[in-house]
């Protein structure tokens, strides 16, 4: 992602790559807090939407699941209750129309069990 649109400064690939890295660092902090709060055997259901940054699909649900496994959770499943997201922020976007490099937005429920 960093090599995409370098001429756009912080709005190019480098800025979005930093954004994505910070997002997943925040996911790790969230999971640390959830692990601290939940008793062993407890279930956490995390609703998360994927993303497309600089035309690169980001499967945030799978990344969250991978991070969770390093933070004291077992992944019981990733469930997709509906295949597309809707909302005012994407109504006119190429992502909504499915023309953004073939990527579409969706939401998942990541089911985690505290070990």
PDB file of N, CA and C in Angstrom:
ATOM      1  N   UNK A   1       0.825  -1.179   0.000  1.00  0.00           N
ATOM      2  CA  UNK A   1       0.000   0.000   0.000  1.00  0.00           C
ATOM      3  C   UNK A   1       0.876   1.252   0.000  1.00  0.00           C
ATOM      4  N   UNK A   2       2.020   1.171   0.655  1.00  0.00           N
ATOM      5  CA  UNK A   2       2.885   2.347   0.755  1.00  0.00           C
ATOM      6  C   UNK A   2       3.319   2.897  -0.599  1.00  0.00           C
ATOM      7  N   UNK A   3       3.429   2.041  -1.607  1.00  0.00           N
ATOM      8  CA  UNK A   3       3.929   2.491  -2.909  1.00  0.00           C
ATOM      9  C   UNK A   3       2.832   3.105  -3.776  1.00  0.00           C
ATOM     10  N   UNK A   4       1.606   3.081  -3.333  1.00  0.00           N
ATOM     11  CA  UNK A   4       0.511   3.641  -4.133  1.00  0.00           C
ATOM     12  C   UNK A   4       0.396   5.146  -3.931  1.00  0.00           C
ATOM     13  N   UNK A   5       0.342   5.874  -4.994  1.00  0.00           N
ATOM     14  CA  UNK A   5       0.127   7.324  -4.999  1.00  0.00           C
ATOM     15  C   UNK A   5       1.066   8.085  -4.064  1.00  0.00           C
ATOM     16  N   UNK A   6       2.376   7.876  -4.172  1.00  0.00           N
ATOM     17  CA  UNK A   6       3.311   8.565  -3.267  1.00  0.00           C
ATOM     18  C   UNK A   6       3.295  10.085  -3.428  1.00  0.00           C
ATOM     19  N   UNK A   7       2.864  10.576  -4.590  1.00  0.00           N
ATOM     20  CA  UNK A   7       2.817  12.015  -4.841  1.00  0.00           C
ATOM     21  C   UNK A   7       1.708  12.714  -4.057  1.00  0.00           C
ATOM     22  N   UNK A   8       0.831  11.963  -3.416  1.00  0.00           N
ATOM     23  CA  UNK A   8      -0.289  12.555  -2.677  1.00  0.00           C
ATOM     24  C   UNK A   8       0.035  12.794  -1.198  1.00  0.00           C
ATOM     25  N   UNK A   9       1.302  12.656  -0.807  1.00  0.00           N
ATOM     26  CA  UNK A   9       1.695  12.932   0.574  1.00  0.00           C
ATOM     27  C   UNK A   9       0.962  12.039   1.560  1.00  0.00           C
ATOM     28  N   UNK A  10       0.409  12.655   2.623  1.00  0.00           N
ATOM     29  CA  UNK A  10      -0.261  11.858   3.656  1.00  0.00           C
ATOM     30  C   UNK A  10      -1.550  11.217   3.144  1.00  0.00           C
ATOM     31  N   UNK A  11      -2.070  11.698   2.023  1.00  0.00           N
ATOM     32  CA  UNK A  11      -3.267  11.096   1.439  1.00  0.00           C
ATOM     33  C   UNK A  11      -2.917  10.003   0.435  1.00  0.00           C
ATOM     34  N   UNK A  12      -1.637   9.726   0.271  1.00  0.00           N
ATOM     35  CA  UNK A  12      -1.189   8.648  -0.599  1.00  0.00           C
ATOM     36  C   UNK A  12      -1.012   7.364   0.191  1.00  0.00           C
ATOM     37  N   UNK A  13      -0.364   6.403  -0.422  1.00  0.00           N
ATOM     38  CA  UNK A  13      -0.210   5.089   0.170  1.00  0.00           C
ATOM     39  C   UNK A  13       0.495   5.073   1.504  1.00  0.00           C
ATOM     40  N   UNK A  14       1.518   5.889   1.665  1.00  0.00           N
ATOM     41  CA  UNK A  14       2.269   5.899   2.917  1.00  0.00           C
ATOM     42  C   UNK A  14       1.384   6.320   4.089  1.00  0.00           C
ATOM     43  N   UNK A  15       0.594   7.358   3.891  1.00  0.00           N
ATOM     44  CA  UNK A  15      -0.297   7.816   4.956  1.00  0.00           C
ATOM     45  C   UNK A  15      -1.348   6.778   5.304  1.00  0.00           C
ATOM     46  N   UNK A  16      -1.921   6.126   4.275  1.00  0.00           N
ATOM     47  CA  UNK A  16      -2.938   5.100   4.531  1.00  0.00           C
ATOM     48  C   UNK A  16      -2.332   3.851   5.144  1.00  0.00           C
ATOM     49  N   UNK A  17      -1.097   3.522   4.783  1.00  0.00           N
ATOM     50  CA  UNK A  17      -0.428   2.379   5.403  1.00  0.00           C
ATOM     51  C   UNK A  17      -0.219   2.640   6.894  1.00  0.00           C
ATOM     52  N   UNK A  18       0.154   3.864   7.232  1.00  0.00           N
ATOM     53  CA  UNK A  18       0.302   4.226   8.648  1.00  0.00           C
ATOM     54  C   UNK A  18      -1.043   4.158   9.363  1.00  0.00           C
ATOM     55  N   UNK A  19      -2.096   4.617   8.703  1.00  0.00           N
ATOM     56  CA  UNK A  19      -3.450   4.559   9.259  1.00  0.00           C
ATOM     57  C   UNK A  19      -3.830   3.116   9.569  1.00  0.00           C
ATOM     58  N   UNK A  20      -3.592   2.211   8.608  1.00  0.00           N
ATOM     59  CA  UNK A  20      -3.938   0.798   8.796  1.00  0.00           C
ATOM     60  C   UNK A  20      -3.136   0.186   9.942  1.00  0.00           C
ATOM     61  N   UNK A  21      -1.853   0.501  10.012  1.00  0.00           N
ATOM     62  CA  UNK A  21      -1.013  -0.033  11.091  1.00  0.00           C
ATOM     63  C   UNK A  21      -1.522   0.436  12.449  1.00  0.00           C
ATOM     64  N   UNK A  22      -1.875   1.699  12.561  1.00  0.00           N
ATOM     65  CA  UNK A  22      -2.403   2.215  13.834  1.00  0.00           C
ATOM     66  C   UNK A  22      -3.731   1.558  14.179  1.00  0.00           C
ATOM     67  N   UNK A  23      -4.578   1.322  13.171  1.00  0.00           N
ATOM     68  CA  UNK A  23      -5.867   0.668  13.394  1.00  0.00           C
ATOM     69  C   UNK A  23      -5.657  -0.717  14.003  1.00  0.00           C
ATOM     70  N   UNK A  24      -4.751  -1.486  13.440  1.00  0.00           N
ATOM     71  CA  UNK A  24      -4.534  -2.842  13.950  1.00  0.00           C
ATOM     72  C   UNK A  24      -3.797  -2.835  15.285  1.00  0.00           C
ATOM     73  N   UNK A  25      -2.981  -1.833  15.546  1.00  0.00           N
ATOM     74  CA  UNK A  25      -2.410  -1.675  16.896  1.00  0.00           C
ATOM     75  C   UNK A  25      -3.524  -1.415  17.903  1.00  0.00           C
ATOM     76  N   UNK A  26      -4.508  -0.614  17.514  1.00  0.00           N
ATOM     77  CA  UNK A  26      -5.668  -0.367  18.379  1.00  0.00           C
ATOM     78  C   UNK A  26      -6.479  -1.645  18.595  1.00  0.00           C
ATOM     79  N   UNK A  27      -6.592  -2.467  17.562  1.00  0.00           N
ATOM     80  CA  UNK A  27      -7.283  -3.760  17.706  1.00  0.00           C
ATOM     81  C   UNK A  27      -6.579  -4.621  18.753  1.00  0.00           C
ATOM     82  N   UNK A  28      -5.259  -4.635  18.727  1.00  0.00           N
ATOM     83  CA  UNK A  28      -4.497  -5.413  19.709  1.00  0.00           C
ATOM     84  C   UNK A  28      -4.750  -4.883  21.121  1.00  0.00           C
ATOM     85  N   UNK A  29      -4.787  -3.565  21.279  1.00  0.00           N
ATOM     86  CA  UNK A  29      -5.074  -2.981  22.608  1.00  0.00           C
ATOM     87  C   UNK A  29      -6.483  -3.331  23.054  1.00  0.00           C
ATOM     88  N   UNK A  30      -7.450  -3.283  22.130  1.00  0.00           N
ATOM     89  CA  UNK A  30      -8.824  -3.665  22.447  1.00  0.00           C
ATOM     90  C   UNK A  30      -8.881  -5.112  22.929  1.00  0.00           C
ATOM     91  N   UNK A  31      -8.207  -5.997  22.223  1.00  0.00           N
ATOM     92  CA  UNK A  31      -8.230  -7.412  22.587  1.00  0.00           C
ATOM     93  C   UNK A  31      -7.523  -7.672  23.911  1.00  0.00           C
ATOM     94  N   UNK A  32      -6.466  -6.927  24.200  1.00  0.00           N
ATOM     95  CA  UNK A  32      -5.819  -7.040  25.517  1.00  0.00           C
ATOM     96  C   UNK A  32      -6.808  -6.677  26.621  1.00  0.00           C
ATOM     97  N   UNK A  33      -7.563  -5.598  26.414  1.00  0.00           N
ATOM     98  CA  UNK A  33      -8.562  -5.189  27.400  1.00  0.00           C
ATOM     99  C   UNK A  33      -9.681  -6.200  27.526  1.00  0.00           C
ATOM    100  N   UNK A  34     -10.125  -6.748  26.400  1.00  0.00           N
ATOM    101  CA  UNK A  34     -11.186  -7.756  26.437  1.00  0.00           C
ATOM    102  C   UNK A  34     -10.706  -9.010  27.152  1.00  0.00           C
ATOM    103  N   UNK A  35      -9.480  -9.410  26.911  1.00  0.00           N
ATOM    104  CA  UNK A  35      -8.927 -10.597  27.585  1.00  0.00           C
ATOM    105  C   UNK A  35      -8.844 -10.363  29.093  1.00  0.00           C
ATOM    106  N   UNK A  36      -8.512  -9.147  29.488  1.00  0.00           N
ATOM    107  CA  UNK A  36      -8.427  -8.817  30.914  1.00  0.00           C
ATOM    108  C   UNK A  36      -9.816  -8.862  31.563  1.00  0.00           C
ATOM    109  N   UNK A  37     -10.844  -8.417  30.836  1.00  0.00           N
ATOM    110  CA  UNK A  37     -12.204  -8.325  31.383  1.00  0.00           C
ATOM    111  C   UNK A  37     -12.958  -9.653  31.421  1.00  0.00           C
ATOM    112  N   UNK A  38     -12.700 -10.507  30.467  1.00  0.00           N
ATOM    113  CA  UNK A  38     -13.505 -11.718  30.321  1.00  0.00           C
ATOM    114  C   UNK A  38     -12.911 -12.897  31.081  1.00  0.00           C
ATOM    115  N   UNK A  39     -13.784 -13.684  31.663  1.00  0.00           N
ATOM    116  CA  UNK A  39     -13.352 -14.897  32.347  1.00  0.00           C
ATOM    117  C   UNK A  39     -13.015 -15.965  31.310  1.00  0.00           C
ATOM    118  N   UNK A  40     -12.152 -16.911  31.665  1.00  0.00           N
ATOM    119  CA  UNK A  40     -11.883 -18.023  30.755  1.00  0.00           C
ATOM    120  C   UNK A  40     -13.182 -18.727  30.371  1.00  0.00           C
ATOM    121  N   UNK A  41     -13.320 -19.049  29.106  1.00  0.00           N
ATOM    122  CA  UNK A  41     -14.523 -19.696  28.594  1.00  0.00           C
ATOM    123  C   UNK A  41     -15.588 -18.732  28.098  1.00  0.00           C
ATOM    124  N   UNK A  42     -15.443 -17.439  28.414  1.00  0.00           N
ATOM    125  CA  UNK A  42     -16.421 -16.443  27.977  1.00  0.00           C
ATOM    126  C   UNK A  42     -16.316 -16.232  26.465  1.00  0.00           C
ATOM    127  N   UNK A  43     -17.415 -15.788  25.890  1.00  0.00           N
ATOM    128  CA  UNK A  43     -17.479 -15.515  24.453  1.00  0.00           C
ATOM    129  C   UNK A  43     -17.579 -14.022  24.212  1.00  0.00           C
ATOM    130  N   UNK A  44     -16.852 -13.549  23.228  1.00  0.00           N
ATOM    131  CA  UNK A  44     -16.948 -12.156  22.776  1.00  0.00           C
ATOM    132  C   UNK A  44     -17.357 -12.176  21.313  1.00  0.00           C
ATOM    133  N   UNK A  45     -18.328 -11.350  20.973  1.00  0.00           N
ATOM    134  CA  UNK A  45     -18.756 -11.189  19.587  1.00  0.00           C
ATOM    135  C   UNK A  45     -18.360  -9.782  19.143  1.00  0.00           C
ATOM    136  N   UNK A  46     -17.503  -9.704  18.166  1.00  0.00           N
ATOM    137  CA  UNK A  46     -16.995  -8.414  17.696  1.00  0.00           C
ATOM    138  C   UNK A  46     -17.491  -8.187  16.266  1.00  0.00           C
ATOM    139  N   UNK A  47     -18.273  -7.131  16.079  1.00  0.00           N
ATOM    140  CA  UNK A  47     -18.751  -6.778  14.741  1.00  0.00           C
ATOM    141  C   UNK A  47     -17.724  -5.834  14.124  1.00  0.00           C
ATOM    142  N   UNK A  48     -17.281  -6.181  12.945  1.00  0.00           N
ATOM    143  CA  UNK A  48     -16.231  -5.403  12.299  1.00  0.00           C
ATOM    144  C   UNK A  48     -16.481  -5.395  10.790  1.00  0.00           C
ATOM    145  N   UNK A  49     -16.242  -4.265  10.174  1.00  0.00           N
ATOM    146  CA  UNK A  49     -16.388  -4.153   8.728  1.00  0.00           C
ATOM    147  C   UNK A  49     -15.025  -4.179   8.063  1.00  0.00           C
ATOM    148  N   UNK A  50     -14.962  -4.740   6.886  1.00  0.00           N
ATOM    149  CA  UNK A  50     -13.700  -4.727   6.155  1.00  0.00           C
ATOM    150  C   UNK A  50     -13.447  -3.325   5.607  1.00  0.00           C
ATOM    151  N   UNK A  51     -12.353  -3.171   4.906  1.00  0.00           N
ATOM    152  CA  UNK A  51     -12.025  -1.867   4.360  1.00  0.00           C
ATOM    153  C   UNK A  51     -11.342  -2.040   3.010  1.00  0.00           C
ATOM    154  N   UNK A  52     -11.323  -0.975   2.253  1.00  0.00           N
ATOM    155  CA  UNK A  52     -10.559  -0.922   1.009  1.00  0.00           C
ATOM    156  C   UNK A  52      -9.801   0.399   1.050  1.00  0.00           C
ATOM    157  N   UNK A  53      -8.482   0.312   1.133  1.00  0.00           N
ATOM    158  CA  UNK A  53      -7.636   1.509   1.216  1.00  0.00           C
ATOM    159  C   UNK A  53      -6.734   1.569  -0.012  1.00  0.00           C
ATOM    160  N   UNK A  54      -6.773   2.684  -0.711  1.00  0.00           N
ATOM    161  CA  UNK A  54      -5.968   2.866  -1.913  1.00  0.00           C
ATOM    162  C   UNK A  54      -6.188   1.725  -2.904  1.00  0.00           C
ATOM    163  N   UNK A  55      -7.427   1.195  -2.939  1.00  0.00           N
ATOM    164  CA  UNK A  55      -7.755   0.112  -3.849  1.00  0.00           C
ATOM    165  C   UNK A  55      -7.342  -1.268  -3.370  1.00  0.00           C
ATOM    166  N   UNK A  56      -6.785  -1.361  -2.166  1.00  0.00           N
ATOM    167  CA  UNK A  56      -6.331  -2.633  -1.613  1.00  0.00           C
ATOM    168  C   UNK A  56      -7.377  -3.142  -0.618  1.00  0.00           C
ATOM    169  N   UNK A  57      -7.999  -4.303  -0.882  1.00  0.00           N
ATOM    170  CA  UNK A  57      -8.959  -4.857   0.080  1.00  0.00           C
ATOM    171  C   UNK A  57      -8.255  -5.253   1.377  1.00  0.00           C
ATOM    172  N   UNK A  58      -8.841  -4.867   2.509  1.00  0.00           N
ATOM    173  CA  UNK A  58      -8.281  -5.179   3.829  1.00  0.00           C
ATOM    174  C   UNK A  58      -9.300  -6.045   4.567  1.00  0.00           C
ATOM    175  N   UNK A  59      -9.038  -7.359   4.708  1.00  0.00           N
ATOM    176  CA  UNK A  59      -9.973  -8.242   5.417  1.00  0.00           C
ATOM    177  C   UNK A  59      -9.785  -8.099   6.933  1.00  0.00           C
ATOM    178  N   UNK A  60     -10.317  -7.032   7.477  1.00  0.00           N
ATOM    179  CA  UNK A  60     -10.094  -6.719   8.894  1.00  0.00           C
ATOM    180  C   UNK A  60     -10.561  -7.830   9.816  1.00  0.00           C
ATOM    181  N   UNK A  61     -11.597  -8.565   9.423  1.00  0.00           N
ATOM    182  CA  UNK A  61     -12.078  -9.650  10.274  1.00  0.00           C
ATOM    183  C   UNK A  61     -11.011 -10.733  10.438  1.00  0.00           C
ATOM    184  N   UNK A  62     -10.345 -11.080   9.359  1.00  0.00           N
ATOM    185  CA  UNK A  62      -9.301 -12.113   9.442  1.00  0.00           C
ATOM    186  C   UNK A  62      -8.071 -11.615  10.198  1.00  0.00           C
ATOM    187  N   UNK A  63      -7.734 -10.341  10.022  1.00  0.00           N
ATOM    188  CA  UNK A  63      -6.610  -9.790  10.775  1.00  0.00           C
ATOM    189  C   UNK A  63      -6.934  -9.728  12.272  1.00  0.00           C
ATOM    190  N   UNK A  64      -8.166  -9.298  12.600  1.00  0.00           N
ATOM    191  CA  UNK A  64      -8.587  -9.255  13.999  1.00  0.00           C
ATOM    192  C   UNK A  64      -8.519 -10.647  14.611  1.00  0.00           C
ATOM    193  N   UNK A  65      -8.986 -11.662  13.887  1.00  0.00           N
ATOM    194  CA  UNK A  65      -8.952 -13.043  14.386  1.00  0.00           C
ATOM    195  C   UNK A  65      -7.511 -13.492  14.644  1.00  0.00           C
ATOM    196  N   UNK A  66      -6.610 -13.171  13.732  1.00  0.00           N
ATOM    197  CA  UNK A  66      -5.205 -13.555  13.903  1.00  0.00           C
ATOM    198  C   UNK A  66      -4.591 -12.869  15.118  1.00  0.00           C
ATOM    199  N   UNK A  67      -4.900 -11.603  15.302  1.00  0.00           N
ATOM    200  CA  UNK A  67      -4.386 -10.877  16.468  1.00  0.00           C
ATOM    201  C   UNK A  67      -4.973 -11.474  17.743  1.00  0.00           C
ATOM    202  N   UNK A  68      -6.268 -11.817  17.721  1.00  0.00           N
ATOM    203  CA  UNK A  68      -6.935 -12.375  18.901  1.00  0.00           C
ATOM    204  C   UNK A  68      -6.265 -13.661  19.363  1.00  0.00           C
ATOM    205  N   UNK A  69      -5.822 -14.469  18.424  1.00  0.00           N
ATOM    206  CA  UNK A  69      -5.168 -15.729  18.780  1.00  0.00           C
ATOM    207  C   UNK A  69      -3.852 -15.497  19.518  1.00  0.00           C
ATOM    208  N   UNK A  70      -3.251 -14.335  19.345  1.00  0.00           N
ATOM    209  CA  UNK A  70      -2.015 -14.019  20.072  1.00  0.00           C
ATOM    210  C   UNK A  70      -2.298 -13.333  21.403  1.00  0.00           C
ATOM    211  N   UNK A  71      -3.587 -13.084  21.693  1.00  0.00           N
ATOM    212  CA  UNK A  71      -3.970 -12.336  22.882  1.00  0.00           C
ATOM    213  C   UNK A  71      -4.858 -13.135  23.830  1.00  0.00           C
ATOM    214  N   UNK A  72      -4.804 -14.471  23.758  1.00  0.00           N
ATOM    215  CA  UNK A  72      -5.550 -15.285  24.707  1.00  0.00           C
ATOM    216  C   UNK A  72      -6.941 -15.679  24.276  1.00  0.00           C
ATOM    217  N   UNK A  73      -7.203 -15.694  22.991  1.00  0.00           N
ATOM    218  CA  UNK A  73      -8.506 -16.089  22.478  1.00  0.00           C
ATOM    219  C   UNK A  73      -8.363 -17.221  21.464  1.00  0.00           C
ATOM    220  N   UNK A  74      -9.412 -18.031  21.392  1.00  0.00           N
ATOM    221  CA  UNK A  74      -9.577 -18.982  20.296  1.00  0.00           C
ATOM    222  C   UNK A  74     -10.653 -18.402  19.387  1.00  0.00           C
ATOM    223  N   UNK A  75     -10.469 -18.536  18.100  1.00  0.00           N
ATOM    224  CA  UNK A  75     -11.459 -18.039  17.151  1.00  0.00           C
ATOM    225  C   UNK A  75     -12.473 -19.151  16.908  1.00  0.00           C
ATOM    226  N   UNK A  76     -13.696 -18.926  17.373  1.00  0.00           N
ATOM    227  CA  UNK A  76     -14.766 -19.913  17.202  1.00  0.00           C
ATOM    228  C   UNK A  76     -15.393 -19.811  15.823  1.00  0.00           C
ATOM    229  N   UNK A  77     -15.267 -18.663  15.182  1.00  0.00           N
ATOM    230  CA  UNK A  77     -15.803 -18.513  13.840  1.00  0.00           C
ATOM    231  C   UNK A  77     -15.842 -17.071  13.396  1.00  0.00           C
ATOM    232  N   UNK A  78     -15.952 -16.894  12.101  1.00  0.00           N
ATOM    233  CA  UNK A  78     -16.165 -15.574  11.510  1.00  0.00           C
ATOM    234  C   UNK A  78     -17.442 -15.707  10.683  1.00  0.00           C
ATOM    235  N   UNK A  79     -18.448 -14.965  11.078  1.00  0.00           N
ATOM    236  CA  UNK A  79     -19.761 -15.062  10.457  1.00  0.00           C
ATOM    237  C   UNK A  79     -20.050 -13.779   9.676  1.00  0.00           C
ATOM    238  N   UNK A  80     -20.578 -13.938   8.477  1.00  0.00           N
ATOM    239  CA  UNK A  80     -20.930 -12.790   7.635  1.00  0.00           C
ATOM    240  C   UNK A  80     -22.453 -12.783   7.493  1.00  0.00           C
ATOM    241  N   UNK A  81     -23.139 -11.961   8.319  1.00  0.00           N
ATOM    242  CA  UNK A  81     -24.605 -11.964   8.276  1.00  0.00           C
ATOM    243  C   UNK A  81     -25.192 -11.383   6.994  1.00  0.00           C
ATOM    244  N   UNK A  82     -24.457 -10.482   6.340  1.00  0.00           N
ATOM    245  CA  UNK A  82     -24.883  -9.975   5.035  1.00  0.00           C
ATOM    246  C   UNK A  82     -23.635  -9.642   4.238  1.00  0.00           C
ATOM    247  N   UNK A  83     -23.745  -9.802   2.954  1.00  0.00           N
ATOM    248  CA  UNK A  83     -22.580  -9.701   2.078  1.00  0.00           C
ATOM    249  C   UNK A  83     -22.154  -8.281   1.740  1.00  0.00           C
ATOM    250  N   UNK A  84     -23.039  -7.303   1.889  1.00  0.00           N
ATOM    251  CA  UNK A  84     -22.673  -5.936   1.538  1.00  0.00           C
ATOM    252  C   UNK A  84     -23.073  -4.986   2.645  1.00  0.00           C
ATOM    253  N   UNK A  85     -22.308  -3.903   2.768  1.00  0.00           N
ATOM    254  CA  UNK A  85     -22.633  -2.857   3.727  1.00  0.00           C
ATOM    255  C   UNK A  85     -23.407  -1.775   3.018  1.00  0.00           C
ATOM    256  N   UNK A  86     -24.259  -1.105   3.779  1.00  0.00           N
ATOM    257  CA  UNK A  86     -25.002   0.030   3.246  1.00  0.00           C
ATOM    258  C   UNK A  86     -24.822   1.190   4.199  1.00  0.00           C
ATOM    259  N   UNK A  87     -25.014   2.383   3.697  1.00  0.00           N
ATOM    260  CA  UNK A  87     -24.894   3.552   4.548  1.00  0.00           C
ATOM    261  C   UNK A  87     -24.661   4.796   3.728  1.00  0.00           C
ATOM    262  N   UNK A  88     -24.934   5.927   4.322  1.00  0.00           N
ATOM    263  CA  UNK A  88     -24.856   7.189   3.590  1.00  0.00           C
ATOM    264  C   UNK A  88     -23.440   7.511   3.138  1.00  0.00           C
ATOM    265  N   UNK A  89     -22.413   7.028   3.849  1.00  0.00           N
ATOM    266  CA  UNK A  89     -21.051   7.390   3.481  1.00  0.00           C
ATOM    267  C   UNK A  89     -20.562   6.674   2.232  1.00  0.00           C
ATOM    268  N   UNK A  90     -21.254   5.605   1.811  1.00  0.00           N
ATOM    269  CA  UNK A  90     -20.779   4.879   0.635  1.00  0.00           C
ATOM    270  C   UNK A  90     -21.826   4.784  -0.470  1.00  0.00           C
ATOM    271  N   UNK A  91     -22.904   5.528  -0.350  1.00  0.00           N
ATOM    272  CA  UNK A  91     -24.004   5.407  -1.310  1.00  0.00           C
ATOM    273  C   UNK A  91     -23.543   5.643  -2.739  1.00  0.00           C
ATOM    274  N   UNK A  92     -22.744   6.652  -2.990  1.00  0.00           N
ATOM    275  CA  UNK A  92     -22.321   6.982  -4.349  1.00  0.00           C
ATOM    276  C   UNK A  92     -20.909   6.509  -4.662  1.00  0.00           C
ATOM    277  N   UNK A  93     -20.324   5.676  -3.834  1.00  0.00           N
ATOM    278  CA  UNK A  93     -18.926   5.310  -4.031  1.00  0.00           C
ATOM    279  C   UNK A  93     -18.767   4.153  -5.011  1.00  0.00           C
ATOM    280  N   UNK A  94     -17.566   4.038  -5.571  1.00  0.00           N
ATOM    281  CA  UNK A  94     -17.276   2.913  -6.470  1.00  0.00           C
ATOM    282  C   UNK A  94     -17.250   1.605  -5.690  1.00  0.00           C
ATOM    283  N   UNK A  95     -16.957   1.665  -4.406  1.00  0.00           N
ATOM    284  CA  UNK A  95     -16.958   0.460  -3.572  1.00  0.00           C
ATOM    285  C   UNK A  95     -18.371  -0.090  -3.465  1.00  0.00           C
ATOM    286  N   UNK A  96     -19.337   0.771  -3.257  1.00  0.00           N
ATOM    287  CA  UNK A  96     -20.739   0.351  -3.156  1.00  0.00           C
ATOM    288  C   UNK A  96     -21.197  -0.279  -4.463  1.00  0.00           C
ATOM    289  N   UNK A  97     -20.743   0.274  -5.555  1.00  0.00           N
ATOM    290  CA  UNK A  97     -21.146  -0.242  -6.862  1.00  0.00           C
ATOM    291  C   UNK A  97     -20.376  -1.503  -7.243  1.00  0.00           C
ATOM    292  N   UNK A  98     -19.374  -1.867  -6.422  1.00  0.00           N
ATOM    293  CA  UNK A  98     -18.589  -3.067  -6.706  1.00  0.00           C
ATOM    294  C   UNK A  98     -17.567  -2.884  -7.803  1.00  0.00           C
ATOM    295  N   UNK A  99     -17.183  -1.630  -8.067  1.00  0.00           N
ATOM    296  CA  UNK A  99     -16.237  -1.372  -9.146  1.00  0.00           C
ATOM    297  C   UNK A  99     -14.853  -0.984  -8.639  1.00  0.00           C
ATOM    298  N   UNK A 100     -14.630  -1.041  -7.357  1.00  0.00           N
ATOM    299  CA  UNK A 100     -13.326  -0.667  -6.795  1.00  0.00           C
ATOM    300  C   UNK A 100     -12.410  -1.883  -6.791  1.00  0.00           C
ATOM    301  N   UNK A 101     -11.778  -2.152  -7.927  1.00  0.00           N
ATOM    302  CA  UNK A 101     -10.882  -3.293  -8.067  1.00  0.00           C
ATOM    303  C   UNK A 101     -11.549  -4.602  -7.670  1.00  0.00           C
ATOM    304  N   UNK A 102     -12.834  -4.700  -7.901  1.00  0.00           N
ATOM    305  CA  UNK A 102     -13.548  -5.928  -7.578  1.00  0.00           C
ATOM    306  C   UNK A 102     -13.852  -6.100  -6.103  1.00  0.00           C
ATOM    307  N   UNK A 103     -13.467  -5.158  -5.260  1.00  0.00           N
ATOM    308  CA  UNK A 103     -13.693  -5.279  -3.833  1.00  0.00           C
ATOM    309  C   UNK A 103     -15.059  -4.761  -3.433  1.00  0.00           C
ATOM    310  N   UNK A 104     -15.632  -5.368  -2.426  1.00  0.00           N
ATOM    311  CA  UNK A 104     -16.888  -4.893  -1.869  1.00  0.00           C
ATOM    312  C   UNK A 104     -16.735  -4.808  -0.359  1.00  0.00           C
ATOM    313  N   UNK A 105     -17.550  -3.979   0.240  1.00  0.00           N
ATOM    314  CA  UNK A 105     -17.536  -3.837   1.690  1.00  0.00           C
ATOM    315  C   UNK A 105     -18.540  -4.800   2.303  1.00  0.00           C
ATOM    316  N   UNK A 106     -18.179  -5.362   3.438  1.00  0.00           N
ATOM    317  CA  UNK A 106     -19.059  -6.277   4.158  1.00  0.00           C
ATOM    318  C   UNK A 106     -18.793  -6.140   5.652  1.00  0.00           C
ATOM    319  N   UNK A 107     -19.683  -6.688   6.450  1.00  0.00           N
ATOM    320  CA  UNK A 107     -19.500  -6.734   7.900  1.00  0.00           C
ATOM    321  C   UNK A 107     -19.449  -8.179   8.352  1.00  0.00           C
ATOM    322  N   UNK A 108     -18.650  -8.427   9.386  1.00  0.00           N
ATOM    323  CA  UNK A 108     -18.516  -9.766   9.949  1.00  0.00           C
ATOM    324  C   UNK A 108     -18.737  -9.706  11.453  1.00  0.00           C
ATOM    325  N   UNK A 109     -19.075 -10.856  11.999  1.00  0.00           N
ATOM    326  CA  UNK A 109     -19.101 -11.044  13.438  1.00  0.00           C
ATOM    327  C   UNK A 109     -18.002 -12.045  13.745  1.00  0.00           C
ATOM    328  N   UNK A 110     -16.970 -11.590  14.447  1.00  0.00           N
ATOM    329  CA  UNK A 110     -15.883 -12.470  14.824  1.00  0.00           C
ATOM    330  C   UNK A 110     -16.199 -13.011  16.207  1.00  0.00           C
ATOM    331  N   UNK A 111     -16.366 -14.327  16.286  1.00  0.00           N
ATOM    332  CA  UNK A 111     -16.727 -14.988  17.540  1.00  0.00           C
ATOM    333  C   UNK A 111     -15.459 -15.504  18.212  1.00  0.00           C
ATOM    334  N   UNK A 112     -15.177 -14.965  19.384  1.00  0.00           N
ATOM    335  CA  UNK A 112     -13.963 -15.293  20.113  1.00  0.00           C
ATOM    336  C   UNK A 112     -14.284 -15.956  21.444  1.00  0.00           C
ATOM    337  N   UNK A 113     -13.468 -16.901  21.849  1.00  0.00           N
ATOM    338  CA  UNK A 113     -13.596 -17.532  23.161  1.00  0.00           C
ATOM    339  C   UNK A 113     -12.335 -17.253  23.952  1.00  0.00           C
ATOM    340  N   UNK A 114     -12.527 -16.776  25.159  1.00  0.00           N
ATOM    341  CA  UNK A 114     -11.391 -16.479  26.058  1.00  0.00           C
ATOM    342  C   UNK A 114     -10.821 -17.799  26.545  1.00  0.00           C
ATOM    343  N   UNK A 115      -9.520 -17.993  26.354  1.00  0.00           N
ATOM    344  CA  UNK A 115      -8.855 -19.223  26.836  1.00  0.00           C
ATOM    345  C   UNK A 115      -8.569 -19.154  28.315  1.00  0.00           C
TER     346      UNK A 115
END
